PDB file of N, CA and C in Angstrom:
ATOM      1  N   UNK A   1     -24.357 -28.203  32.748  1.00  0.00           N
ATOM      2  CA  UNK A   1     -23.060 -27.646  33.075  1.00  0.00           C
ATOM      3  C   UNK A   1     -23.262 -26.606  34.166  1.00  0.00           C
ATOM      4  N   UNK A   2     -22.345 -26.560  35.077  1.00  0.00           N
ATOM      5  CA  UNK A   2     -22.402 -25.605  36.186  1.00  0.00           C
ATOM      6  C   UNK A   2     -22.221 -24.186  35.643  1.00  0.00           C
ATOM      7  N   UNK A   3     -23.010 -23.194  36.130  1.00  0.00           N
ATOM      8  CA  UNK A   3     -22.898 -21.827  35.592  1.00  0.00           C
ATOM      9  C   UNK A   3     -21.511 -21.230  35.753  1.00  0.00           C
ATOM     10  N   UNK A   4     -20.840 -21.556  36.831  1.00  0.00           N
ATOM     11  CA  UNK A   4     -19.492 -21.009  37.055  1.00  0.00           C
ATOM     12  C   UNK A   4     -18.511 -21.551  36.009  1.00  0.00           C
ATOM     13  N   UNK A   5     -18.599 -22.818  35.689  1.00  0.00           N
ATOM     14  CA  UNK A   5     -17.719 -23.410  34.684  1.00  0.00           C
ATOM     15  C   UNK A   5     -18.021 -22.841  33.293  1.00  0.00           C
ATOM     16  N   UNK A   6     -19.291 -22.614  33.020  1.00  0.00           N
ATOM     17  CA  UNK A   6     -19.669 -22.043  31.732  1.00  0.00           C
ATOM     18  C   UNK A   6     -19.126 -20.620  31.590  1.00  0.00           C
ATOM     19  N   UNK A   7     -19.152 -19.832  32.677  1.00  0.00           N
ATOM     20  CA  UNK A   7     -18.629 -18.477  32.654  1.00  0.00           C
ATOM     21  C   UNK A   7     -17.122 -18.484  32.455  1.00  0.00           C
ATOM     22  N   UNK A   8     -16.407 -19.396  33.135  1.00  0.00           N
ATOM     23  CA  UNK A   8     -14.954 -19.485  32.979  1.00  0.00           C
ATOM     24  C   UNK A   8     -14.579 -19.877  31.555  1.00  0.00           C
ATOM     25  N   UNK A   9     -15.350 -20.755  30.961  1.00  0.00           N
ATOM     26  CA  UNK A   9     -15.053 -21.177  29.592  1.00  0.00           C
ATOM     27  C   UNK A   9     -15.278 -20.032  28.613  1.00  0.00           C
ATOM     28  N   UNK A  10     -16.247 -19.172  28.897  1.00  0.00           N
ATOM     29  CA  UNK A  10     -16.520 -18.045  28.009  1.00  0.00           C
ATOM     30  C   UNK A  10     -15.453 -16.965  28.137  1.00  0.00           C
ATOM     31  N   UNK A  11     -14.870 -16.815  29.332  1.00  0.00           N
ATOM     32  CA  UNK A  11     -13.863 -15.775  29.560  1.00  0.00           C
ATOM     33  C   UNK A  11     -12.498 -16.207  29.055  1.00  0.00           C
ATOM     34  N   UNK A  12     -12.153 -17.470  29.229  1.00  0.00           N
ATOM     35  CA  UNK A  12     -10.828 -17.959  28.855  1.00  0.00           C
ATOM     36  C   UNK A  12     -10.686 -17.915  27.334  1.00  0.00           C
ATOM     37  N   UNK A  13      -9.650 -17.255  26.828  1.00  0.00           N
ATOM     38  CA  UNK A  13      -9.474 -17.180  25.370  1.00  0.00           C
ATOM     39  C   UNK A  13      -8.987 -18.512  24.816  1.00  0.00           C
ATOM     40  N   UNK A  14      -9.395 -18.752  23.605  1.00  0.00           N
ATOM     41  CA  UNK A  14      -8.895 -19.937  22.906  1.00  0.00           C
ATOM     42  C   UNK A  14      -7.404 -19.718  22.635  1.00  0.00           C
ATOM     43  N   UNK A  15      -6.579 -20.741  22.780  1.00  0.00           N
ATOM     44  CA  UNK A  15      -5.127 -20.513  22.630  1.00  0.00           C
ATOM     45  C   UNK A  15      -4.701 -20.029  21.254  1.00  0.00           C
ATOM     46  N   UNK A  16      -5.478 -20.316  20.200  1.00  0.00           N
ATOM     47  CA  UNK A  16      -5.062 -19.898  18.865  1.00  0.00           C
ATOM     48  C   UNK A  16      -5.819 -18.678  18.355  1.00  0.00           C
ATOM     49  N   UNK A  17      -6.540 -17.985  19.217  1.00  0.00           N
ATOM     50  CA  UNK A  17      -7.178 -16.735  18.804  1.00  0.00           C
ATOM     51  C   UNK A  17      -6.230 -15.558  18.921  1.00  0.00           C
ATOM     52  N   UNK A  18      -5.149 -15.733  19.609  1.00  0.00           N
ATOM     53  CA  UNK A  18      -4.163 -14.674  19.787  1.00  0.00           C
ATOM     54  C   UNK A  18      -3.110 -14.810  18.679  1.00  0.00           C
ATOM     55  N   UNK A  19      -2.958 -13.821  17.810  1.00  0.00           N
ATOM     56  CA  UNK A  19      -2.003 -13.942  16.698  1.00  0.00           C
ATOM     57  C   UNK A  19      -0.567 -14.166  17.151  1.00  0.00           C
ATOM     58  N   UNK A  20      -0.181 -13.630  18.295  1.00  0.00           N
ATOM     59  CA  UNK A  20       1.199 -13.827  18.731  1.00  0.00           C
ATOM     60  C   UNK A  20       1.448 -15.282  19.105  1.00  0.00           C
ATOM     61  N   UNK A  21       0.442 -15.967  19.584  1.00  0.00           N
ATOM     62  CA  UNK A  21       0.614 -17.389  19.890  1.00  0.00           C
ATOM     63  C   UNK A  21       0.721 -18.201  18.606  1.00  0.00           C
ATOM     64  N   UNK A  22      -0.044 -17.808  17.607  1.00  0.00           N
ATOM     65  CA  UNK A  22       0.051 -18.503  16.319  1.00  0.00           C
ATOM     66  C   UNK A  22       1.446 -18.306  15.738  1.00  0.00           C
ATOM     67  N   UNK A  23       1.959 -17.077  15.798  1.00  0.00           N
ATOM     68  CA  UNK A  23       3.290 -16.796  15.280  1.00  0.00           C
ATOM     69  C   UNK A  23       4.348 -17.559  16.059  1.00  0.00           C
ATOM     70  N   UNK A  24       4.155 -17.674  17.359  1.00  0.00           N
ATOM     71  CA  UNK A  24       5.114 -18.394  18.191  1.00  0.00           C
ATOM     72  C   UNK A  24       5.189 -19.860  17.787  1.00  0.00           C
ATOM     73  N   UNK A  25       4.089 -20.410  17.335  1.00  0.00           N
ATOM     74  CA  UNK A  25       4.069 -21.810  16.925  1.00  0.00           C
ATOM     75  C   UNK A  25       4.556 -21.965  15.483  1.00  0.00           C
ATOM     76  N   UNK A  26       4.131 -21.072  14.574  1.00  0.00           N
ATOM     77  CA  UNK A  26       4.415 -21.269  13.159  1.00  0.00           C
ATOM     78  C   UNK A  26       5.808 -20.815  12.725  1.00  0.00           C
ATOM     79  N   UNK A  27       6.317 -19.732  13.271  1.00  0.00           N
ATOM     80  CA  UNK A  27       7.610 -19.217  12.808  1.00  0.00           C
ATOM     81  C   UNK A  27       8.755 -20.197  13.014  1.00  0.00           C
ATOM     82  N   UNK A  28       8.874 -20.865  14.153  1.00  0.00           N
ATOM     83  CA  UNK A  28       9.967 -21.846  14.262  1.00  0.00           C
ATOM     84  C   UNK A  28       9.852 -22.991  13.274  1.00  0.00           C
ATOM     85  N   UNK A  29       8.637 -23.302  12.823  1.00  0.00           N
ATOM     86  CA  UNK A  29       8.475 -24.362  11.833  1.00  0.00           C
ATOM     87  C   UNK A  29       9.004 -23.946  10.469  1.00  0.00           C
ATOM     88  N   UNK A  30       9.049 -22.638  10.205  1.00  0.00           N
ATOM     89  CA  UNK A  30       9.539 -22.145   8.912  1.00  0.00           C
ATOM     90  C   UNK A  30      11.052 -21.913   8.902  1.00  0.00           C
ATOM     91  N   UNK A  31      11.677 -21.877  10.032  1.00  0.00           N
ATOM     92  CA  UNK A  31      13.096 -21.560  10.095  1.00  0.00           C
ATOM     93  C   UNK A  31      14.026 -22.598   9.473  1.00  0.00           C
ATOM     94  N   UNK A  32      13.719 -23.872   9.490  1.00  0.00           N
ATOM     95  CA  UNK A  32      14.654 -24.807   8.874  1.00  0.00           C
ATOM     96  C   UNK A  32      14.890 -24.558   7.389  1.00  0.00           C
ATOM     97  N   UNK A  33      13.973 -23.874   6.707  1.00  0.00           N
ATOM     98  CA  UNK A  33      14.159 -23.565   5.296  1.00  0.00           C
ATOM     99  C   UNK A  33      15.104 -22.403   5.053  1.00  0.00           C
ATOM    100  N   UNK A  34      15.457 -21.672   6.089  1.00  0.00           N
ATOM    101  CA  UNK A  34      16.323 -20.503   5.936  1.00  0.00           C
ATOM    102  C   UNK A  34      17.783 -20.935   5.914  1.00  0.00           C
ATOM    103  N   UNK A  35      18.524 -20.337   5.032  1.00  0.00           N
ATOM    104  CA  UNK A  35      19.962 -20.542   4.994  1.00  0.00           C
ATOM    105  C   UNK A  35      20.614 -19.174   5.064  1.00  0.00           C
ATOM    106  N   UNK A  36      21.907 -19.145   5.008  1.00  0.00           N
ATOM    107  CA  UNK A  36      22.604 -17.866   5.039  1.00  0.00           C
ATOM    108  C   UNK A  36      22.297 -17.048   3.801  1.00  0.00           C
ATOM    109  N   UNK A  37      22.397 -15.746   3.918  1.00  0.00           N
ATOM    110  CA  UNK A  37      22.136 -14.862   2.794  1.00  0.00           C
ATOM    111  C   UNK A  37      23.248 -14.994   1.766  1.00  0.00           C
ATOM    112  N   UNK A  38      22.905 -15.093   0.484  1.00  0.00           N
ATOM    113  CA  UNK A  38      23.943 -15.185  -0.534  1.00  0.00           C
ATOM    114  C   UNK A  38      24.710 -13.868  -0.631  1.00  0.00           C
ATOM    115  N   UNK A  39      26.004 -13.960  -0.573  1.00  0.00           N
ATOM    116  CA  UNK A  39      26.857 -12.781  -0.672  1.00  0.00           C
ATOM    117  C   UNK A  39      28.013 -13.102  -1.602  1.00  0.00           C
ATOM    118  N   UNK A  40      28.478 -12.094  -2.294  1.00  0.00           N
ATOM    119  CA  UNK A  40      29.585 -12.275  -3.220  1.00  0.00           C
ATOM    120  C   UNK A  40      30.776 -11.469  -2.730  1.00  0.00           C
ATOM    121  N   UNK A  41      31.947 -12.003  -2.944  1.00  0.00           N
ATOM    122  CA  UNK A  41      33.154 -11.299  -2.566  1.00  0.00           C
ATOM    123  C   UNK A  41      33.547 -10.385  -3.725  1.00  0.00           C
ATOM    124  N   UNK A  42      33.330  -9.079  -3.540  1.00  0.00           N
ATOM    125  CA  UNK A  42      33.652  -8.084  -4.564  1.00  0.00           C
ATOM    126  C   UNK A  42      34.749  -7.194  -4.010  1.00  0.00           C
ATOM    127  N   UNK A  43      35.914  -7.260  -4.581  1.00  0.00           N
ATOM    128  CA  UNK A  43      37.076  -6.463  -4.195  1.00  0.00           C
ATOM    129  C   UNK A  43      37.333  -6.568  -2.686  1.00  0.00           C
ATOM    130  N   UNK A  44      37.242  -7.768  -2.164  1.00  0.00           N
ATOM    131  CA  UNK A  44      37.599  -8.005  -0.773  1.00  0.00           C
ATOM    132  C   UNK A  44      36.496  -7.785   0.241  1.00  0.00           C
ATOM    133  N   UNK A  45      35.326  -7.291  -0.160  1.00  0.00           N
ATOM    134  CA  UNK A  45      34.230  -7.118   0.797  1.00  0.00           C
ATOM    135  C   UNK A  45      33.018  -7.887   0.296  1.00  0.00           C
ATOM    136  N   UNK A  46      32.248  -8.388   1.236  1.00  0.00           N
ATOM    137  CA  UNK A  46      31.079  -9.164   0.854  1.00  0.00           C
ATOM    138  C   UNK A  46      29.941  -8.229   0.462  1.00  0.00           C
ATOM    139  N   UNK A  47      29.368  -8.479  -0.680  1.00  0.00           N
ATOM    140  CA  UNK A  47      28.369  -7.629  -1.290  1.00  0.00           C
ATOM    141  C   UNK A  47      27.082  -8.436  -1.414  1.00  0.00           C
ATOM    142  N   UNK A  48      25.954  -7.900  -0.961  1.00  0.00           N
ATOM    143  CA  UNK A  48      24.704  -8.676  -1.075  1.00  0.00           C
ATOM    144  C   UNK A  48      24.365  -8.966  -2.533  1.00  0.00           C
ATOM    145  N   UNK A  49      24.066 -10.194  -2.796  1.00  0.00           N
ATOM    146  CA  UNK A  49      23.802 -10.622  -4.171  1.00  0.00           C
ATOM    147  C   UNK A  49      22.542  -9.970  -4.732  1.00  0.00           C
ATOM    148  N   UNK A  50      21.540  -9.737  -3.895  1.00  0.00           N
ATOM    149  CA  UNK A  50      20.305  -9.131  -4.400  1.00  0.00           C
ATOM    150  C   UNK A  50      20.570  -7.723  -4.919  1.00  0.00           C
ATOM    151  N   UNK A  51      21.522  -7.024  -4.296  1.00  0.00           N
ATOM    152  CA  UNK A  51      21.814  -5.662  -4.732  1.00  0.00           C
ATOM    153  C   UNK A  51      22.497  -5.676  -6.099  1.00  0.00           C
ATOM    154  N   UNK A  52      23.369  -6.632  -6.314  1.00  0.00           N
ATOM    155  CA  UNK A  52      24.019  -6.763  -7.610  1.00  0.00           C
ATOM    156  C   UNK A  52      22.990  -7.099  -8.687  1.00  0.00           C
ATOM    157  N   UNK A  53      22.053  -7.983  -8.377  1.00  0.00           N
ATOM    158  CA  UNK A  53      20.996  -8.330  -9.332  1.00  0.00           C
ATOM    159  C   UNK A  53      20.126  -7.114  -9.638  1.00  0.00           C
ATOM    160  N   UNK A  54      19.822  -6.305  -8.625  1.00  0.00           N
ATOM    161  CA  UNK A  54      19.015  -5.101  -8.832  1.00  0.00           C
ATOM    162  C   UNK A  54      19.750  -4.103  -9.719  1.00  0.00           C
ATOM    163  N   UNK A  55      21.041  -3.947  -9.514  1.00  0.00           N
ATOM    164  CA  UNK A  55      21.820  -3.026 -10.351  1.00  0.00           C
ATOM    165  C   UNK A  55      21.850  -3.488 -11.805  1.00  0.00           C
ATOM    166  N   UNK A  56      21.962  -4.791 -12.014  1.00  0.00           N
ATOM    167  CA  UNK A  56      21.946  -5.327 -13.378  1.00  0.00           C
ATOM    168  C   UNK A  56      20.582  -5.087 -14.019  1.00  0.00           C
ATOM    169  N   UNK A  57      19.498  -5.270 -13.255  1.00  0.00           N
ATOM    170  CA  UNK A  57      18.150  -5.040 -13.771  1.00  0.00           C
ATOM    171  C   UNK A  57      17.917  -3.586 -14.129  1.00  0.00           C
ATOM    172  N   UNK A  58      18.352  -2.674 -13.269  1.00  0.00           N
ATOM    173  CA  UNK A  58      18.185  -1.242 -13.540  1.00  0.00           C
ATOM    174  C   UNK A  58      19.013  -0.832 -14.754  1.00  0.00           C
ATOM    175  N   UNK A  59      20.237  -1.330 -14.839  1.00  0.00           N
ATOM    176  CA  UNK A  59      21.085  -1.004 -15.987  1.00  0.00           C
ATOM    177  C   UNK A  59      20.473  -1.520 -17.285  1.00  0.00           C
ATOM    178  N   UNK A  60      19.868  -2.700 -17.237  1.00  0.00           N
ATOM    179  CA  UNK A  60      19.244  -3.234 -18.451  1.00  0.00           C
ATOM    180  C   UNK A  60      18.037  -2.392 -18.873  1.00  0.00           C
ATOM    181  N   UNK A  61      17.276  -1.870 -17.915  1.00  0.00           N
ATOM    182  CA  UNK A  61      16.139  -1.013 -18.261  1.00  0.00           C
ATOM    183  C   UNK A  61      16.627   0.296 -18.876  1.00  0.00           C
ATOM    184  N   UNK A  62      17.725   0.832 -18.369  1.00  0.00           N
ATOM    185  CA  UNK A  62      18.286   2.067 -18.930  1.00  0.00           C
ATOM    186  C   UNK A  62      18.783   1.813 -20.357  1.00  0.00           C
ATOM    187  N   UNK A  63      19.445   0.682 -20.563  1.00  0.00           N
ATOM    188  CA  UNK A  63      19.939   0.346 -21.902  1.00  0.00           C
ATOM    189  C   UNK A  63      18.759   0.149 -22.861  1.00  0.00           C
ATOM    190  N   UNK A  64      17.711  -0.526 -22.403  1.00  0.00           N
ATOM    191  CA  UNK A  64      16.539  -0.720 -23.248  1.00  0.00           C
ATOM    192  C   UNK A  64      15.914   0.623 -23.633  1.00  0.00           C
ATOM    193  N   UNK A  65      15.848   1.541 -22.696  1.00  0.00           N
ATOM    194  CA  UNK A  65      15.292   2.876 -22.994  1.00  0.00           C
ATOM    195  C   UNK A  65      16.135   3.588 -24.042  1.00  0.00           C
ATOM    196  N   UNK A  66      17.453   3.500 -23.911  1.00  0.00           N
ATOM    197  CA  UNK A  66      18.335   4.149 -24.889  1.00  0.00           C
ATOM    198  C   UNK A  66      18.172   3.525 -26.277  1.00  0.00           C
ATOM    199  N   UNK A  67      18.036   2.210 -26.315  1.00  0.00           N
ATOM    200  CA  UNK A  67      17.847   1.532 -27.607  1.00  0.00           C
ATOM    201  C   UNK A  67      16.517   1.945 -28.232  1.00  0.00           C
ATOM    202  N   UNK A  68      15.465   2.018 -27.414  1.00  0.00           N
ATOM    203  CA  UNK A  68      14.171   2.452 -27.937  1.00  0.00           C
ATOM    204  C   UNK A  68      14.218   3.897 -28.424  1.00  0.00           C
ATOM    205  N   UNK A  69      14.972   4.745 -27.728  1.00  0.00           N
ATOM    206  CA  UNK A  69      15.100   6.135 -28.169  1.00  0.00           C
ATOM    207  C   UNK A  69      15.867   6.223 -29.488  1.00  0.00           C
ATOM    208  N   UNK A  70      16.935   5.436 -29.639  1.00  0.00           N
ATOM    209  CA  UNK A  70      17.702   5.449 -30.882  1.00  0.00           C
ATOM    210  C   UNK A  70      16.872   4.950 -32.062  1.00  0.00           C
ATOM    211  N   UNK A  71      15.999   3.983 -31.812  1.00  0.00           N
ATOM    212  CA  UNK A  71      15.154   3.436 -32.878  1.00  0.00           C
ATOM    213  C   UNK A  71      13.919   4.291 -33.136  1.00  0.00           C
ATOM    214  N   UNK A  72      13.657   5.265 -32.265  1.00  0.00           N
ATOM    215  CA  UNK A  72      12.485   6.115 -32.421  1.00  0.00           C
ATOM    216  C   UNK A  72      11.199   5.473 -31.928  1.00  0.00           C
ATOM    217  N   UNK A  73      11.314   4.470 -31.081  1.00  0.00           N
ATOM    218  CA  UNK A  73      10.138   3.754 -30.596  1.00  0.00           C
ATOM    219  C   UNK A  73       9.728   4.157 -29.177  1.00  0.00           C
ATOM    220  N   UNK A  74      10.468   5.025 -28.542  1.00  0.00           N
ATOM    221  CA  UNK A  74      10.167   5.405 -27.152  1.00  0.00           C
ATOM    222  C   UNK A  74       8.815   6.101 -27.046  1.00  0.00           C
ATOM    223  N   UNK A  75       8.410   6.828 -28.078  1.00  0.00           N
ATOM    224  CA  UNK A  75       7.122   7.530 -28.031  1.00  0.00           C
ATOM    225  C   UNK A  75       5.942   6.558 -28.076  1.00  0.00           C
ATOM    226  N   UNK A  76       6.149   5.313 -28.508  1.00  0.00           N
ATOM    227  CA  UNK A  76       5.080   4.325 -28.573  1.00  0.00           C
ATOM    228  C   UNK A  76       4.878   3.575 -27.260  1.00  0.00           C
ATOM    229  N   UNK A  77       5.768   3.752 -26.316  1.00  0.00           N
ATOM    230  CA  UNK A  77       5.622   3.102 -25.010  1.00  0.00           C
ATOM    231  C   UNK A  77       4.537   3.861 -24.252  1.00  0.00           C
ATOM    232  N   UNK A  78       3.471   3.167 -23.877  1.00  0.00           N
ATOM    233  CA  UNK A  78       2.298   3.817 -23.286  1.00  0.00           C
ATOM    234  C   UNK A  78       2.589   4.343 -21.891  1.00  0.00           C
ATOM    235  N   UNK A  79       3.121   3.516 -21.020  1.00  0.00           N
ATOM    236  CA  UNK A  79       3.427   3.920 -19.646  1.00  0.00           C
ATOM    237  C   UNK A  79       4.916   3.661 -19.411  1.00  0.00           C
ATOM    238  N   UNK A  80       5.774   4.632 -19.747  1.00  0.00           N
ATOM    239  CA  UNK A  80       7.214   4.371 -19.700  1.00  0.00           C
ATOM    240  C   UNK A  80       7.729   3.987 -18.314  1.00  0.00           C
ATOM    241  N   UNK A  81       7.266   4.661 -17.285  1.00  0.00           N
ATOM    242  CA  UNK A  81       7.757   4.347 -15.940  1.00  0.00           C
ATOM    243  C   UNK A  81       7.376   2.922 -15.549  1.00  0.00           C
ATOM    244  N   UNK A  82       6.144   2.555 -15.822  1.00  0.00           N
ATOM    245  CA  UNK A  82       5.684   1.210 -15.497  1.00  0.00           C
ATOM    246  C   UNK A  82       6.388   0.164 -16.366  1.00  0.00           C
ATOM    247  N   UNK A  83       6.532   0.454 -17.633  1.00  0.00           N
ATOM    248  CA  UNK A  83       7.163  -0.497 -18.545  1.00  0.00           C
ATOM    249  C   UNK A  83       8.626  -0.724 -18.204  1.00  0.00           C
ATOM    250  N   UNK A  84       9.359   0.354 -18.015  1.00  0.00           N
ATOM    251  CA  UNK A  84      10.791   0.200 -17.718  1.00  0.00           C
ATOM    252  C   UNK A  84      11.009  -0.378 -16.325  1.00  0.00           C
ATOM    253  N   UNK A  85      10.122  -0.051 -15.396  1.00  0.00           N
ATOM    254  CA  UNK A  85      10.204  -0.666 -14.068  1.00  0.00           C
ATOM    255  C   UNK A  85       9.945  -2.161 -14.114  1.00  0.00           C
ATOM    256  N   UNK A  86       8.976  -2.563 -14.938  1.00  0.00           N
ATOM    257  CA  UNK A  86       8.693  -3.988 -15.096  1.00  0.00           C
ATOM    258  C   UNK A  86       9.854  -4.722 -15.762  1.00  0.00           C
ATOM    259  N   UNK A  87      10.491  -4.075 -16.729  1.00  0.00           N
ATOM    260  CA  UNK A  87      11.656  -4.682 -17.374  1.00  0.00           C
ATOM    261  C   UNK A  87      12.786  -4.845 -16.359  1.00  0.00           C
ATOM    262  N   UNK A  88      13.015  -3.806 -15.554  1.00  0.00           N
ATOM    263  CA  UNK A  88      14.071  -3.885 -14.539  1.00  0.00           C
ATOM    264  C   UNK A  88      13.776  -5.003 -13.544  1.00  0.00           C
ATOM    265  N   UNK A  89      12.521  -5.129 -13.126  1.00  0.00           N
ATOM    266  CA  UNK A  89      12.158  -6.182 -12.176  1.00  0.00           C
ATOM    267  C   UNK A  89      12.301  -7.560 -12.807  1.00  0.00           C
ATOM    268  N   UNK A  90      11.866  -7.704 -14.039  1.00  0.00           N
ATOM    269  CA  UNK A  90      11.960  -8.999 -14.712  1.00  0.00           C
ATOM    270  C   UNK A  90      13.410  -9.436 -14.889  1.00  0.00           C
ATOM    271  N   UNK A  91      14.261  -8.516 -15.286  1.00  0.00           N
ATOM    272  CA  UNK A  91      15.677  -8.855 -15.456  1.00  0.00           C
ATOM    273  C   UNK A  91      16.317  -9.149 -14.101  1.00  0.00           C
ATOM    274  N   UNK A  92      15.967  -8.372 -13.073  1.00  0.00           N
ATOM    275  CA  UNK A  92      16.505  -8.602 -11.730  1.00  0.00           C
ATOM    276  C   UNK A  92      16.163 -10.003 -11.244  1.00  0.00           C
ATOM    277  N   UNK A  93      14.899 -10.380 -11.357  1.00  0.00           N
ATOM    278  CA  UNK A  93      14.490 -11.701 -10.886  1.00  0.00           C
ATOM    279  C   UNK A  93      15.067 -12.817 -11.748  1.00  0.00           C
ATOM    280  N   UNK A  94      15.209 -12.571 -13.043  1.00  0.00           N
ATOM    281  CA  UNK A  94      15.810 -13.578 -13.914  1.00  0.00           C
ATOM    282  C   UNK A  94      17.275 -13.807 -13.585  1.00  0.00           C
ATOM    283  N   UNK A  95      18.006 -12.730 -13.342  1.00  0.00           N
ATOM    284  CA  UNK A  95      19.421 -12.862 -12.967  1.00  0.00           C
ATOM    285  C   UNK A  95      19.541 -13.584 -11.632  1.00  0.00           C
ATOM    286  N   UNK A  96      18.641 -13.246 -10.690  1.00  0.00           N
ATOM    287  CA  UNK A  96      18.670 -13.909  -9.383  1.00  0.00           C
ATOM    288  C   UNK A  96      18.450 -15.418  -9.541  1.00  0.00           C
ATOM    289  N   UNK A  97      17.443 -15.799 -10.346  1.00  0.00           N
ATOM    290  CA  UNK A  97      17.166 -17.218 -10.537  1.00  0.00           C
ATOM    291  C   UNK A  97      18.285 -17.917 -11.298  1.00  0.00           C
ATOM    292  N   UNK A  98      18.878 -17.231 -12.244  1.00  0.00           N
ATOM    293  CA  UNK A  98      19.937 -17.833 -13.046  1.00  0.00           C
ATOM    294  C   UNK A  98      21.185 -18.120 -12.215  1.00  0.00           C
ATOM    295  N   UNK A  99      21.577 -17.186 -11.360  1.00  0.00           N
ATOM    296  CA  UNK A  99      22.818 -17.346 -10.620  1.00  0.00           C
ATOM    297  C   UNK A  99      22.643 -17.885  -9.201  1.00  0.00           C
ATOM    298  N   UNK A 100      21.507 -17.618  -8.560  1.00  0.00           N
ATOM    299  CA  UNK A 100      21.351 -17.973  -7.155  1.00  0.00           C
ATOM    300  C   UNK A 100      20.169 -18.888  -6.898  1.00  0.00           C
ATOM    301  N   UNK A 101      19.394 -19.234  -7.914  1.00  0.00           N
ATOM    302  CA  UNK A 101      18.251 -20.120  -7.724  1.00  0.00           C
ATOM    303  C   UNK A 101      18.692 -21.547  -7.475  1.00  0.00           C
ATOM    304  N   UNK A 102      17.874 -22.260  -6.770  1.00  0.00           N
ATOM    305  CA  UNK A 102      18.239 -23.655  -6.451  1.00  0.00           C
ATOM    306  C   UNK A 102      17.400 -24.584  -7.279  1.00  0.00           C
TER     307      UNK A 102
END
């Protein structure tokens, strides 16, 4: 191989070593799976569905905490912030799948 050609090949970057080129190729391939964001009509204005699901999840964690306090079991919860946060997340995702999952 000619030394000049070998030097040019070493300097020229491979087309897929640049992350922006990879993104330019891959992102349009993922777009056909996107649809419009689910929104609900609440009192005449469109409300993001994920926010409603999050509010339901947070409210359920608060209710669970109150029930545990009334039963005297709140002191047995080892990591209350983590536990109640996990309950809120689980209920949020369950409500999302129940009403908006395909």
